[in-house]
Amino acid sequence: MADADDVRRLALALPHVAEIDSDGFDFRVAGKGFVWSYPERTPGRPRVIRTDIAVLYVGDEAEKQALLLGEPGLFFTTPGYDGLPLVMLRLPQVKVDRLSELVTDAWRMRAPEALVDDLDAGG
């Protein structure tokens, strides 16, 4: 099963990724976030950065709903993410090869087209 170190390794293996200084992990391409640690907020308590949960950019509401409905053991959302193309992924429940697909897909949706073309060309 996957953990924060797997997220870091997979994200940094992609072209032009920057890791933002945080209490967990936070990765961007061209200034756009594609995967980061879940900042859990509980009313009346300080925010807690959960490195066992990744927030992934998924592109649109249809993809979000497909993941949430298709694999509820892996993915979830909260009211604070309503209307946003983001899902939370339980890292201990996902295999590393699936995590690799998810991180790469999130990167593809946020990266400039030239970077995606370069990755697809093997560069």
PDB file of N, CA and C in Angstrom:
ATOM      1  N   MET A   1       0.822  -1.179   0.000  1.00  0.00           N
ATOM      2  CA  MET A   1       0.000   0.000   0.000  1.00  0.00           C
ATOM      3  C   MET A   1       0.873   1.254   0.000  1.00  0.00           C
ATOM      4  N   ALA A   2       0.286   2.386  -0.353  1.00  0.00           N
ATOM      5  CA  ALA A   2       1.044   3.611  -0.596  1.00  0.00           C
ATOM      6  C   ALA A   2       1.138   4.493   0.646  1.00  0.00           C
ATOM      7  N   ASP A   3       2.096   5.424   0.599  1.00  0.00           N
ATOM      8  CA  ASP A   3       2.252   6.402   1.670  1.00  0.00           C
ATOM      9  C   ASP A   3       2.779   7.715   1.083  1.00  0.00           C
ATOM     10  N   ALA A   4       3.042   8.679   1.951  1.00  0.00           N
ATOM     11  CA  ALA A   4       3.490  10.006   1.513  1.00  0.00           C
ATOM     12  C   ALA A   4       4.811   9.936   0.745  1.00  0.00           C
ATOM     13  N   ASP A   5       5.702   9.025   1.122  1.00  0.00           N
ATOM     14  CA  ASP A   5       6.968   8.890   0.401  1.00  0.00           C
ATOM     15  C   ASP A   5       6.735   8.442  -1.037  1.00  0.00           C
ATOM     16  N   ASP A   6       5.740   7.596  -1.260  1.00  0.00           N
ATOM     17  CA  ASP A   6       5.401   7.180  -2.622  1.00  0.00           C
ATOM     18  C   ASP A   6       4.869   8.362  -3.428  1.00  0.00           C
ATOM     19  N   VAL A   7       4.007   9.167  -2.811  1.00  0.00           N
ATOM     20  CA  VAL A   7       3.492  10.355  -3.499  1.00  0.00           C
ATOM     21  C   VAL A   7       4.656  11.239  -3.914  1.00  0.00           C
ATOM     22  N   ARG A   8       5.560  11.501  -2.993  1.00  0.00           N
ATOM     23  CA  ARG A   8       6.712  12.374  -3.264  1.00  0.00           C
ATOM     24  C   ARG A   8       7.563  11.807  -4.404  1.00  0.00           C
ATOM     25  N   ARG A   9       7.883  10.550  -4.353  1.00  0.00           N
ATOM     26  CA  ARG A   9       8.707   9.919  -5.384  1.00  0.00           C
ATOM     27  C   ARG A   9       8.036   9.994  -6.754  1.00  0.00           C
ATOM     28  N   LEU A  10       6.762   9.676  -6.810  1.00  0.00           N
ATOM     29  CA  LEU A  10       6.033   9.677  -8.079  1.00  0.00           C
ATOM     30  C   LEU A  10       5.875  11.091  -8.644  1.00  0.00           C
ATOM     31  N   ALA A  11       5.528  12.034  -7.785  1.00  0.00           N
ATOM     32  CA  ALA A  11       5.340  13.411  -8.251  1.00  0.00           C
ATOM     33  C   ALA A  11       6.647  14.008  -8.761  1.00  0.00           C
ATOM     34  N   LEU A  12       7.730  13.798  -8.022  1.00  0.00           N
ATOM     35  CA  LEU A  12       9.005  14.386  -8.416  1.00  0.00           C
ATOM     36  C   LEU A  12       9.619  13.722  -9.644  1.00  0.00           C
ATOM     37  N   ALA A  13       9.127  12.560 -10.023  1.00  0.00           N
ATOM     38  CA  ALA A  13       9.605  11.889 -11.231  1.00  0.00           C
ATOM     39  C   ALA A  13       9.012  12.509 -12.500  1.00  0.00           C
ATOM     40  N   LEU A  14       7.998  13.343 -12.342  1.00  0.00           N
ATOM     41  CA  LEU A  14       7.359  13.988 -13.489  1.00  0.00           C
ATOM     42  C   LEU A  14       8.090  15.290 -13.837  1.00  0.00           C
ATOM     43  N   PRO A  15       8.049  15.699 -15.100  1.00  0.00           N
ATOM     44  CA  PRO A  15       8.794  16.897 -15.521  1.00  0.00           C
ATOM     45  C   PRO A  15       8.276  18.194 -14.899  1.00  0.00           C
ATOM     46  N   HIS A  16       9.219  19.055 -14.562  1.00  0.00           N
ATOM     47  CA  HIS A  16       8.943  20.435 -14.128  1.00  0.00           C
ATOM     48  C   HIS A  16       8.038  20.523 -12.911  1.00  0.00           C
ATOM     49  N   VAL A  17       8.170  19.575 -12.007  1.00  0.00           N
ATOM     50  CA  VAL A  17       7.377  19.586 -10.774  1.00  0.00           C
ATOM     51  C   VAL A  17       8.142  20.331  -9.695  1.00  0.00           C
ATOM     52  N   ALA A  18       7.411  21.170  -8.972  1.00  0.00           N
ATOM     53  CA  ALA A  18       7.985  21.879  -7.829  1.00  0.00           C
ATOM     54  C   ALA A  18       7.286  21.392  -6.567  1.00  0.00           C
ATOM     55  N   GLU A  19       8.079  21.147  -5.540  1.00  0.00           N
ATOM     56  CA  GLU A  19       7.501  20.809  -4.241  1.00  0.00           C
ATOM     57  C   GLU A  19       7.461  22.083  -3.412  1.00  0.00           C
ATOM     58  N   ILE A  20       6.282  22.402  -2.907  1.00  0.00           N
ATOM     59  CA  ILE A  20       6.083  23.588  -2.088  1.00  0.00           C
ATOM     60  C   ILE A  20       6.330  23.208  -0.630  1.00  0.00           C
ATOM     61  N   ASP A  21       7.034  24.072   0.096  1.00  0.00           N
ATOM     62  CA  ASP A  21       7.305  23.822   1.503  1.00  0.00           C
ATOM     63  C   ASP A  21       5.989  23.758   2.275  1.00  0.00           C
ATOM     64  N   SER A  22       5.778  22.655   2.974  1.00  0.00           N
ATOM     65  CA  SER A  22       4.551  22.478   3.757  1.00  0.00           C
ATOM     66  C   SER A  22       4.820  21.478   4.871  1.00  0.00           C
ATOM     67  N   ASP A  23       3.825  21.309   5.732  1.00  0.00           N
ATOM     68  CA  ASP A  23       3.948  20.330   6.812  1.00  0.00           C
ATOM     69  C   ASP A  23       3.760  18.907   6.301  1.00  0.00           C
ATOM     70  N   GLY A  24       3.277  18.765   5.085  1.00  0.00           N
ATOM     71  CA  GLY A  24       3.080  17.447   4.481  1.00  0.00           C
ATOM     72  C   GLY A  24       3.766  17.422   3.134  1.00  0.00           C
ATOM     73  N   PHE A  25       2.975  17.241   2.075  1.00  0.00           N
ATOM     74  CA  PHE A  25       3.501  17.311   0.716  1.00  0.00           C
ATOM     75  C   PHE A  25       2.577  18.196  -0.108  1.00  0.00           C
ATOM     76  N   ASP A  26       3.150  18.866  -1.107  1.00  0.00           N
ATOM     77  CA  ASP A  26       2.396  19.799  -1.942  1.00  0.00           C
ATOM     78  C   ASP A  26       3.178  19.957  -3.239  1.00  0.00           C
ATOM     79  N   PHE A  27       2.603  19.443  -4.342  1.00  0.00           N
ATOM     80  CA  PHE A  27       3.306  19.440  -5.626  1.00  0.00           C
ATOM     81  C   PHE A  27       2.541  20.228  -6.668  1.00  0.00           C
ATOM     82  N   ARG A  28       3.321  20.982  -7.474  1.00  0.00           N
ATOM     83  CA  ARG A  28       2.741  21.829  -8.513  1.00  0.00           C
ATOM     84  C   ARG A  28       3.514  21.676  -9.804  1.00  0.00           C
ATOM     85  N   VAL A  29       2.812  21.962 -10.902  1.00  0.00           N
ATOM     86  CA  VAL A  29       3.437  22.048 -12.210  1.00  0.00           C
ATOM     87  C   VAL A  29       2.921  23.339 -12.833  1.00  0.00           C
ATOM     88  N   ALA A  30       3.832  24.155 -13.345  1.00  0.00           N
ATOM     89  CA  ALA A  30       3.475  25.454 -13.918  1.00  0.00           C
ATOM     90  C   ALA A  30       2.653  26.283 -12.928  1.00  0.00           C
ATOM     91  N   GLY A  31       2.980  26.168 -11.638  1.00  0.00           N
ATOM     92  CA  GLY A  31       2.304  26.933 -10.607  1.00  0.00           C
ATOM     93  C   GLY A  31       0.934  26.418 -10.207  1.00  0.00           C
ATOM     94  N   LYS A  32       0.523  25.281 -10.748  1.00  0.00           N
ATOM     95  CA  LYS A  32      -0.802  24.722 -10.458  1.00  0.00           C
ATOM     96  C   LYS A  32      -0.676  23.439  -9.639  1.00  0.00           C
ATOM     97  N   GLY A  33      -1.389  23.378  -8.526  1.00  0.00           N
ATOM     98  CA  GLY A  33      -1.353  22.196  -7.680  1.00  0.00           C
ATOM     99  C   GLY A  33      -2.023  21.011  -8.339  1.00  0.00           C
ATOM    100  N   PHE A  34      -1.395  19.836  -8.175  1.00  0.00           N
ATOM    101  CA  PHE A  34      -2.019  18.621  -8.705  1.00  0.00           C
ATOM    102  C   PHE A  34      -2.145  17.524  -7.658  1.00  0.00           C
ATOM    103  N   VAL A  35      -1.338  17.548  -6.618  1.00  0.00           N
ATOM    104  CA  VAL A  35      -1.493  16.614  -5.498  1.00  0.00           C
ATOM    105  C   VAL A  35      -0.864  17.235  -4.255  1.00  0.00           C
ATOM    106  N   TRP A  36      -1.592  17.130  -3.111  1.00  0.00           N
ATOM    107  CA  TRP A  36      -1.081  17.675  -1.860  1.00  0.00           C
ATOM    108  C   TRP A  36      -1.717  16.951  -0.689  1.00  0.00           C
ATOM    109  N   SER A  37      -1.138  17.153   0.496  1.00  0.00           N
ATOM    110  CA  SER A  37      -1.663  16.559   1.732  1.00  0.00           C
ATOM    111  C   SER A  37      -3.006  17.190   2.078  1.00  0.00           C
ATOM    112  N   TYR A  38      -3.873  16.382   2.640  1.00  0.00           N
ATOM    113  CA  TYR A  38      -5.208  16.847   3.011  1.00  0.00           C
ATOM    114  C   TYR A  38      -5.159  17.697   4.274  1.00  0.00           C
ATOM    115  N   PRO A  39      -5.577  18.970   4.170  1.00  0.00           N
ATOM    116  CA  PRO A  39      -5.644  19.818   5.363  1.00  0.00           C
ATOM    117  C   PRO A  39      -6.998  19.637   6.055  1.00  0.00           C
ATOM    118  N   GLU A  40      -7.050  18.688   6.976  1.00  0.00           N
ATOM    119  CA  GLU A  40      -8.309  18.365   7.650  1.00  0.00           C
ATOM    120  C   GLU A  40      -8.712  19.494   8.587  1.00  0.00           C
ATOM    121  N   ARG A  41      -9.952  19.921   8.442  1.00  0.00           N
ATOM    122  CA  ARG A  41     -10.479  20.994   9.288  1.00  0.00           C
ATOM    123  C   ARG A  41     -11.664  20.461  10.087  1.00  0.00           C
ATOM    124  N   THR A  42     -11.562  20.611  11.396  1.00  0.00           N
ATOM    125  CA  THR A  42     -12.639  20.215  12.294  1.00  0.00           C
ATOM    126  C   THR A  42     -13.043  21.478  13.052  1.00  0.00           C
ATOM    127  N   PRO A  43     -14.336  21.828  13.030  1.00  0.00           N
ATOM    128  CA  PRO A  43     -14.765  23.038  13.731  1.00  0.00           C
ATOM    129  C   PRO A  43     -14.269  23.075  15.178  1.00  0.00           C
ATOM    130  N   GLY A  44     -13.736  24.217  15.559  1.00  0.00           N
ATOM    131  CA  GLY A  44     -13.258  24.406  16.923  1.00  0.00           C
ATOM    132  C   GLY A  44     -11.878  23.852  17.199  1.00  0.00           C
ATOM    133  N   ARG A  45     -11.233  23.299  16.177  1.00  0.00           N
ATOM    134  CA  ARG A  45      -9.891  22.730  16.364  1.00  0.00           C
ATOM    135  C   ARG A  45      -8.948  23.269  15.289  1.00  0.00           C
ATOM    136  N   PRO A  46      -7.649  23.269  15.581  1.00  0.00           N
ATOM    137  CA  PRO A  46      -6.691  23.708  14.551  1.00  0.00           C
ATOM    138  C   PRO A  46      -6.667  22.730  13.371  1.00  0.00           C
ATOM    139  N   ARG A  47      -6.353  23.246  12.206  1.00  0.00           N
ATOM    140  CA  ARG A  47      -6.221  22.419  11.004  1.00  0.00           C
ATOM    141  C   ARG A  47      -5.102  21.391  11.224  1.00  0.00           C
ATOM    142  N   VAL A  48      -5.320  20.167  10.717  1.00  0.00           N
ATOM    143  CA  VAL A  48      -4.334  19.093  10.820  1.00  0.00           C
ATOM    144  C   VAL A  48      -3.970  18.652   9.402  1.00  0.00           C
ATOM    145  N   ILE A  49      -2.684  18.639   9.091  1.00  0.00           N
ATOM    146  CA  ILE A  49      -2.229  18.176   7.781  1.00  0.00           C
ATOM    147  C   ILE A  49      -2.124  16.660   7.832  1.00  0.00           C
ATOM    148  N   ARG A  50      -2.926  15.991   7.017  1.00  0.00           N
ATOM    149  CA  ARG A  50      -2.984  14.526   6.984  1.00  0.00           C
ATOM    150  C   ARG A  50      -2.134  14.009   5.825  1.00  0.00           C
ATOM    151  N   THR A  51      -0.989  13.423   6.130  1.00  0.00           N
ATOM    152  CA  THR A  51      -0.133  12.877   5.077  1.00  0.00           C
ATOM    153  C   THR A  51      -0.537  11.470   4.669  1.00  0.00           C
ATOM    154  N   ASP A  52      -1.560  10.925   5.326  1.00  0.00           N
ATOM    155  CA  ASP A  52      -2.092   9.622   4.921  1.00  0.00           C
ATOM    156  C   ASP A  52      -3.239   9.780   3.922  1.00  0.00           C
ATOM    157  N   ILE A  53      -3.573  11.032   3.610  1.00  0.00           N
ATOM    158  CA  ILE A  53      -4.630  11.339   2.645  1.00  0.00           C
ATOM    159  C   ILE A  53      -4.089  12.347   1.645  1.00  0.00           C
ATOM    160  N   ALA A  54      -4.221  12.031   0.363  1.00  0.00           N
ATOM    161  CA  ALA A  54      -3.793  12.947  -0.698  1.00  0.00           C
ATOM    162  C   ALA A  54      -5.018  13.599  -1.322  1.00  0.00           C
ATOM    163  N   VAL A  55      -4.896  14.883  -1.613  1.00  0.00           N
ATOM    164  CA  VAL A  55      -5.901  15.596  -2.397  1.00  0.00           C
ATOM    165  C   VAL A  55      -5.397  15.579  -3.830  1.00  0.00           C
ATOM    166  N   LEU A  56      -6.247  15.118  -4.749  1.00  0.00           N
ATOM    167  CA  LEU A  56      -5.877  15.006  -6.166  1.00  0.00           C
ATOM    168  C   LEU A  56      -6.778  15.874  -7.033  1.00  0.00           C
ATOM    169  N   TYR A  57      -6.167  16.560  -7.986  1.00  0.00           N
ATOM    170  CA  TYR A  57      -6.924  17.276  -8.997  1.00  0.00           C
ATOM    171  C   TYR A  57      -7.450  16.253  -9.999  1.00  0.00           C
ATOM    172  N   VAL A  58      -8.748  16.310 -10.305  1.00  0.00           N
ATOM    173  CA  VAL A  58      -9.339  15.314 -11.209  1.00  0.00           C
ATOM    174  C   VAL A  58      -9.959  15.910 -12.471  1.00  0.00           C
ATOM    175  N   GLY A  59      -9.897  17.205 -12.644  1.00  0.00           N
ATOM    176  CA  GLY A  59     -10.328  17.810 -13.898  1.00  0.00           C
ATOM    177  C   GLY A  59     -11.734  18.345 -13.931  1.00  0.00           C
ATOM    178  N   ASP A  60     -12.715  17.519 -13.569  1.00  0.00           N
ATOM    179  CA  ASP A  60     -14.094  17.998 -13.631  1.00  0.00           C
ATOM    180  C   ASP A  60     -14.993  17.196 -12.693  1.00  0.00           C
ATOM    181  N   GLU A  61     -16.219  17.666 -12.577  1.00  0.00           N
ATOM    182  CA  GLU A  61     -17.181  17.051 -11.661  1.00  0.00           C
ATOM    183  C   GLU A  61     -17.540  15.621 -12.068  1.00  0.00           C
ATOM    184  N   ALA A  62     -17.611  15.369 -13.377  1.00  0.00           N
ATOM    185  CA  ALA A  62     -17.954  14.016 -13.835  1.00  0.00           C
ATOM    186  C   ALA A  62     -16.903  12.999 -13.387  1.00  0.00           C
ATOM    187  N   GLU A  63     -15.641  13.337 -13.538  1.00  0.00           N
ATOM    188  CA  GLU A  63     -14.564  12.437 -13.108  1.00  0.00           C
ATOM    189  C   GLU A  63     -14.581  12.276 -11.588  1.00  0.00           C
ATOM    190  N   LYS A  64     -14.817  13.375 -10.901  1.00  0.00           N
ATOM    191  CA  LYS A  64     -14.901  13.324  -9.437  1.00  0.00           C
ATOM    192  C   LYS A  64     -15.980  12.346  -8.999  1.00  0.00           C
ATOM    193  N   GLN A  65     -17.171  12.475  -9.575  1.00  0.00           N
ATOM    194  CA  GLN A  65     -18.279  11.608  -9.197  1.00  0.00           C
ATOM    195  C   GLN A  65     -18.010  10.151  -9.571  1.00  0.00           C
ATOM    196  N   ALA A  66     -17.378   9.932 -10.717  1.00  0.00           N
ATOM    197  CA  ALA A  66     -17.052   8.559 -11.131  1.00  0.00           C
ATOM    198  C   ALA A  66     -16.128   7.898 -10.110  1.00  0.00           C
ATOM    199  N   LEU A  67     -15.128   8.624  -9.637  1.00  0.00           N
ATOM    200  CA  LEU A  67     -14.202   8.067  -8.645  1.00  0.00           C
ATOM    201  C   LEU A  67     -14.913   7.838  -7.309  1.00  0.00           C
ATOM    202  N   LEU A  68     -15.679   8.818  -6.864  1.00  0.00           N
ATOM    203  CA  LEU A  68     -16.369   8.708  -5.576  1.00  0.00           C
ATOM    204  C   LEU A  68     -17.371   7.551  -5.559  1.00  0.00           C
ATOM    205  N   LEU A  69     -18.116   7.405  -6.639  1.00  0.00           N
ATOM    206  CA  LEU A  69     -19.125   6.346  -6.706  1.00  0.00           C
ATOM    207  C   LEU A  69     -18.522   4.984  -7.034  1.00  0.00           C
ATOM    208  N   GLY A  70     -17.468   4.988  -7.851  1.00  0.00           N
ATOM    209  CA  GLY A  70     -16.870   3.728  -8.283  1.00  0.00           C
ATOM    210  C   GLY A  70     -15.983   3.067  -7.255  1.00  0.00           C
ATOM    211  N   GLU A  71     -15.327   3.872  -6.428  1.00  0.00           N
ATOM    212  CA  GLU A  71     -14.391   3.321  -5.440  1.00  0.00           C
ATOM    213  C   GLU A  71     -14.498   4.084  -4.114  1.00  0.00           C
ATOM    214  N   PRO A  72     -15.628   3.965  -3.429  1.00  0.00           N
ATOM    215  CA  PRO A  72     -15.806   4.730  -2.190  1.00  0.00           C
ATOM    216  C   PRO A  72     -14.850   4.339  -1.066  1.00  0.00           C
ATOM    217  N   GLY A  73     -14.218   3.189  -1.170  1.00  0.00           N
ATOM    218  CA  GLY A  73     -13.222   2.808  -0.174  1.00  0.00           C
ATOM    219  C   GLY A  73     -11.907   3.551  -0.331  1.00  0.00           C
ATOM    220  N   LEU A  74     -11.658   4.060  -1.527  1.00  0.00           N
ATOM    221  CA  LEU A  74     -10.428   4.798  -1.810  1.00  0.00           C
ATOM    222  C   LEU A  74     -10.618   6.308  -1.747  1.00  0.00           C
ATOM    223  N   PHE A  75     -11.737   6.781  -2.310  1.00  0.00           N
ATOM    224  CA  PHE A  75     -11.936   8.215  -2.497  1.00  0.00           C
ATOM    225  C   PHE A  75     -13.072   8.742  -1.637  1.00  0.00           C
ATOM    226  N   PHE A  76     -12.936  10.008  -1.217  1.00  0.00           N
ATOM    227  CA  PHE A  76     -14.020  10.684  -0.522  1.00  0.00           C
ATOM    228  C   PHE A  76     -13.893  12.181  -0.765  1.00  0.00           C
ATOM    229  N   THR A  77     -14.876  12.908  -0.314  1.00  0.00           N
ATOM    230  CA  THR A  77     -14.848  14.359  -0.399  1.00  0.00           C
ATOM    231  C   THR A  77     -15.475  14.911   0.870  1.00  0.00           C
ATOM    232  N   THR A  78     -15.419  16.222   1.019  1.00  0.00           N
ATOM    233  CA  THR A  78     -16.044  16.899   2.156  1.00  0.00           C
ATOM    234  C   THR A  78     -16.791  18.110   1.616  1.00  0.00           C
ATOM    235  N   PRO A  79     -17.703  18.672   2.392  1.00  0.00           N
ATOM    236  CA  PRO A  79     -18.446  19.840   1.912  1.00  0.00           C
ATOM    237  C   PRO A  79     -17.553  21.004   1.477  1.00  0.00           C
ATOM    238  N   GLY A  80     -16.394  21.150   2.087  1.00  0.00           N
ATOM    239  CA  GLY A  80     -15.475  22.227   1.706  1.00  0.00           C
ATOM    240  C   GLY A  80     -14.933  22.081   0.290  1.00  0.00           C
ATOM    241  N   TYR A  81     -15.068  20.914  -0.285  1.00  0.00           N
ATOM    242  CA  TYR A  81     -14.583  20.659  -1.644  1.00  0.00           C
ATOM    243  C   TYR A  81     -15.731  20.576  -2.662  1.00  0.00           C
ATOM    244  N   ASP A  82     -16.953  20.888  -2.209  1.00  0.00           N
ATOM    245  CA  ASP A  82     -18.088  20.883  -3.135  1.00  0.00           C
ATOM    246  C   ASP A  82     -17.835  21.863  -4.279  1.00  0.00           C
ATOM    247  N   GLY A  83     -18.102  21.408  -5.491  1.00  0.00           N
ATOM    248  CA  GLY A  83     -17.931  22.251  -6.659  1.00  0.00           C
ATOM    249  C   GLY A  83     -16.507  22.364  -7.168  1.00  0.00           C
ATOM    250  N   LEU A  84     -15.582  21.724  -6.495  1.00  0.00           N
ATOM    251  CA  LEU A  84     -14.177  21.757  -6.919  1.00  0.00           C
ATOM    252  C   LEU A  84     -13.794  20.408  -7.517  1.00  0.00           C
ATOM    253  N   PRO A  85     -12.941  20.400  -8.543  1.00  0.00           N
ATOM    254  CA  PRO A  85     -12.544  19.136  -9.183  1.00  0.00           C
ATOM    255  C   PRO A  85     -11.425  18.433  -8.414  1.00  0.00           C
ATOM    256  N   LEU A  86     -11.717  18.135  -7.155  1.00  0.00           N
ATOM    257  CA  LEU A  86     -10.736  17.543  -6.246  1.00  0.00           C
ATOM    258  C   LEU A  86     -11.372  16.384  -5.490  1.00  0.00           C
ATOM    259  N   VAL A  87     -10.574  15.334  -5.268  1.00  0.00           N
ATOM    260  CA  VAL A  87     -10.994  14.229  -4.411  1.00  0.00           C
ATOM    261  C   VAL A  87      -9.890  13.939  -3.411  1.00  0.00           C
ATOM    262  N   MET A  88     -10.269  13.321  -2.306  1.00  0.00           N
ATOM    263  CA  MET A  88      -9.312  12.868  -1.328  1.00  0.00           C
ATOM    264  C   MET A  88      -9.125  11.362  -1.515  1.00  0.00           C
ATOM    265  N   LEU A  89      -7.864  10.941  -1.426  1.00  0.00           N
ATOM    266  CA  LEU A  89      -7.485   9.552  -1.631  1.00  0.00           C
ATOM    267  C   LEU A  89      -6.857   9.007  -0.360  1.00  0.00           C
ATOM    268  N   ARG A  90      -7.387   7.900   0.133  1.00  0.00           N
ATOM    269  CA  ARG A  90      -6.829   7.232   1.325  1.00  0.00           C
ATOM    270  C   ARG A  90      -5.595   6.443   0.886  1.00  0.00           C
ATOM    271  N   LEU A  91      -4.425   6.963   1.172  1.00  0.00           N
ATOM    272  CA  LEU A  91      -3.180   6.339   0.705  1.00  0.00           C
ATOM    273  C   LEU A  91      -2.984   4.912   1.195  1.00  0.00           C
ATOM    274  N   PRO A  92      -3.294   4.576   2.457  1.00  0.00           N
ATOM    275  CA  PRO A  92      -3.068   3.192   2.895  1.00  0.00           C
ATOM    276  C   PRO A  92      -3.947   2.165   2.160  1.00  0.00           C
ATOM    277  N   GLN A  93      -4.966   2.642   1.449  1.00  0.00           N
ATOM    278  CA  GLN A  93      -5.879   1.731   0.754  1.00  0.00           C
ATOM    279  C   GLN A  93      -5.549   1.539  -0.724  1.00  0.00           C
ATOM    280  N   VAL A  94      -4.570   2.289  -1.238  1.00  0.00           N
ATOM    281  CA  VAL A  94      -4.288   2.254  -2.673  1.00  0.00           C
ATOM    282  C   VAL A  94      -2.942   1.587  -2.942  1.00  0.00           C
ATOM    283  N   LYS A  95      -2.891   0.822  -4.028  1.00  0.00           N
ATOM    284  CA  LYS A  95      -1.633   0.208  -4.451  1.00  0.00           C
ATOM    285  C   LYS A  95      -0.789   1.264  -5.159  1.00  0.00           C
ATOM    286  N   VAL A  96       0.518   1.107  -5.079  1.00  0.00           N
ATOM    287  CA  VAL A  96       1.437   2.096  -5.638  1.00  0.00           C
ATOM    288  C   VAL A  96       1.261   2.261  -7.149  1.00  0.00           C
ATOM    289  N   ASP A  97       0.998   1.170  -7.875  1.00  0.00           N
ATOM    290  CA  ASP A  97       0.819   1.320  -9.325  1.00  0.00           C
ATOM    291  C   ASP A  97      -0.420   2.151  -9.646  1.00  0.00           C
ATOM    292  N   ARG A  98      -1.485   1.993  -8.867  1.00  0.00           N
ATOM    293  CA  ARG A  98      -2.690   2.822  -9.076  1.00  0.00           C
ATOM    294  C   ARG A  98      -2.405   4.265  -8.684  1.00  0.00           C
ATOM    295  N   LEU A  99      -1.669   4.468  -7.603  1.00  0.00           N
ATOM    296  CA  LEU A  99      -1.289   5.817  -7.195  1.00  0.00           C
ATOM    297  C   LEU A  99      -0.499   6.497  -8.299  1.00  0.00           C
ATOM    298  N   SER A 100       0.393   5.771  -8.935  1.00  0.00           N
ATOM    299  CA  SER A 100       1.183   6.321 -10.031  1.00  0.00           C
ATOM    300  C   SER A 100       0.274   6.826 -11.152  1.00  0.00           C
ATOM    301  N   GLU A 101      -0.727   6.047 -11.512  1.00  0.00           N
ATOM    302  CA  GLU A 101      -1.687   6.467 -12.553  1.00  0.00           C
ATOM    303  C   GLU A 101      -2.417   7.743 -12.139  1.00  0.00           C
ATOM    304  N   LEU A 102      -2.873   7.779 -10.902  1.00  0.00           N
ATOM    305  CA  LEU A 102      -3.647   8.917 -10.422  1.00  0.00           C
ATOM    306  C   LEU A 102      -2.811  10.192 -10.365  1.00  0.00           C
ATOM    307  N   VAL A 103      -1.586  10.089  -9.873  1.00  0.00           N
ATOM    308  CA  VAL A 103      -0.707  11.254  -9.783  1.00  0.00           C
ATOM    309  C   VAL A 103      -0.350  11.744 -11.190  1.00  0.00           C
ATOM    310  N   THR A 104      -0.034  10.819 -12.079  1.00  0.00           N
ATOM    311  CA  THR A 104       0.307  11.191 -13.452  1.00  0.00           C
ATOM    312  C   THR A 104      -0.886  11.831 -14.158  1.00  0.00           C
ATOM    313  N   ASP A 105      -2.072  11.280 -13.973  1.00  0.00           N
ATOM    314  CA  ASP A 105      -3.267  11.876 -14.578  1.00  0.00           C
ATOM    315  C   ASP A 105      -3.511  13.286 -14.052  1.00  0.00           C
ATOM    316  N   ALA A 106      -3.353  13.483 -12.746  1.00  0.00           N
ATOM    317  CA  ALA A 106      -3.533  14.815 -12.161  1.00  0.00           C
ATOM    318  C   ALA A 106      -2.509  15.783 -12.748  1.00  0.00           C
ATOM    319  N   TRP A 107      -1.259  15.336 -12.883  1.00  0.00           N
ATOM    320  CA  TRP A 107      -0.208  16.167 -13.477  1.00  0.00           C
ATOM    321  C   TRP A 107      -0.581  16.544 -14.915  1.00  0.00           C
ATOM    322  N   ARG A 108      -1.030  15.568 -15.686  1.00  0.00           N
ATOM    323  CA  ARG A 108      -1.403  15.810 -17.098  1.00  0.00           C
ATOM    324  C   ARG A 108      -2.481  16.880 -17.231  1.00  0.00           C
ATOM    325  N   MET A 109      -3.426  16.886 -16.307  1.00  0.00           N
ATOM    326  CA  MET A 109      -4.525  17.851 -16.378  1.00  0.00           C
ATOM    327  C   MET A 109      -4.099  19.256 -15.988  1.00  0.00           C
ATOM    328  N   ARG A 110      -2.993  19.384 -15.286  1.00  0.00           N
ATOM    329  CA  ARG A 110      -2.547  20.700 -14.816  1.00  0.00           C
ATOM    330  C   ARG A 110      -1.337  21.229 -15.598  1.00  0.00           C
ATOM    331  N   ALA A 111      -0.594  20.356 -16.246  1.00  0.00           N
ATOM    332  CA  ALA A 111       0.625  20.761 -16.962  1.00  0.00           C
ATOM    333  C   ALA A 111       0.282  21.429 -18.293  1.00  0.00           C
ATOM    334  N   PRO A 112       1.129  22.359 -18.730  1.00  0.00           N
ATOM    335  CA  PRO A 112       0.962  22.928 -20.066  1.00  0.00           C
ATOM    336  C   PRO A 112       1.076  21.835 -21.132  1.00  0.00           C
ATOM    337  N   GLU A 113       0.372  22.020 -22.233  1.00  0.00           N
ATOM    338  CA  GLU A 113       0.314  21.017 -23.291  1.00  0.00           C
ATOM    339  C   GLU A 113       1.702  20.604 -23.783  1.00  0.00           C
ATOM    340  N   ALA A 114       2.622  21.537 -23.873  1.00  0.00           N
ATOM    341  CA  ALA A 114       3.972  21.217 -24.362  1.00  0.00           C
ATOM    342  C   ALA A 114       4.668  20.219 -23.434  1.00  0.00           C
ATOM    343  N   LEU A 115       4.462  20.333 -22.119  1.00  0.00           N
ATOM    344  CA  LEU A 115       5.063  19.390 -21.176  1.00  0.00           C
ATOM    345  C   LEU A 115       4.435  18.009 -21.300  1.00  0.00           C
ATOM    346  N   VAL A 116       3.127  17.980 -21.481  1.00  0.00           N
ATOM    347  CA  VAL A 116       2.431  16.701 -21.653  1.00  0.00           C
ATOM    348  C   VAL A 116       2.915  16.025 -22.936  1.00  0.00           C
ATOM    349  N   ASP A 117       3.020  16.796 -24.001  1.00  0.00           N
ATOM    350  CA  ASP A 117       3.514  16.243 -25.274  1.00  0.00           C
ATOM    351  C   ASP A 117       4.926  15.699 -25.121  1.00  0.00           C
ATOM    352  N   ASP A 118       5.760  16.419 -24.350  1.00  0.00           N
ATOM    353  CA  ASP A 118       7.144  15.981 -24.124  1.00  0.00           C
ATOM    354  C   ASP A 118       7.166  14.669 -23.338  1.00  0.00           C
ATOM    355  N   LEU A 119       6.311  14.559 -22.328  1.00  0.00           N
ATOM    356  CA  LEU A 119       6.248  13.322 -21.543  1.00  0.00           C
ATOM    357  C   LEU A 119       5.774  12.166 -22.435  1.00  0.00           C
ATOM    358  N   ASP A 120       4.753  12.416 -23.245  1.00  0.00           N
ATOM    359  CA  ASP A 120       4.227  11.373 -24.127  1.00  0.00           C
ATOM    360  C   ASP A 120       5.238  10.932 -25.172  1.00  0.00           C
ATOM    361  N   ALA A 121       6.129  11.849 -25.565  1.00  0.00           N
ATOM    362  CA  ALA A 121       7.152  11.527 -26.556  1.00  0.00           C
ATOM    363  C   ALA A 121       8.346  10.815 -25.926  1.00  0.00           C
ATOM    364  N   GLY A 122       8.302  10.675 -24.599  1.00  0.00           N
ATOM    365  CA  GLY A 122       9.383   9.969 -23.911  1.00  0.00           C
ATOM    366  C   GLY A 122      10.517  10.872 -23.487  1.00  0.00           C
ATOM    367  N   GLY A 123      10.298  12.177 -23.567  1.00  0.00           N
ATOM    368  CA  GLY A 123      11.338  13.148 -23.218  1.00  0.00           C
ATOM    369  C   GLY A 123      11.202  13.597 -21.861  1.00  0.00           C
TER     370      GLY A 123
END
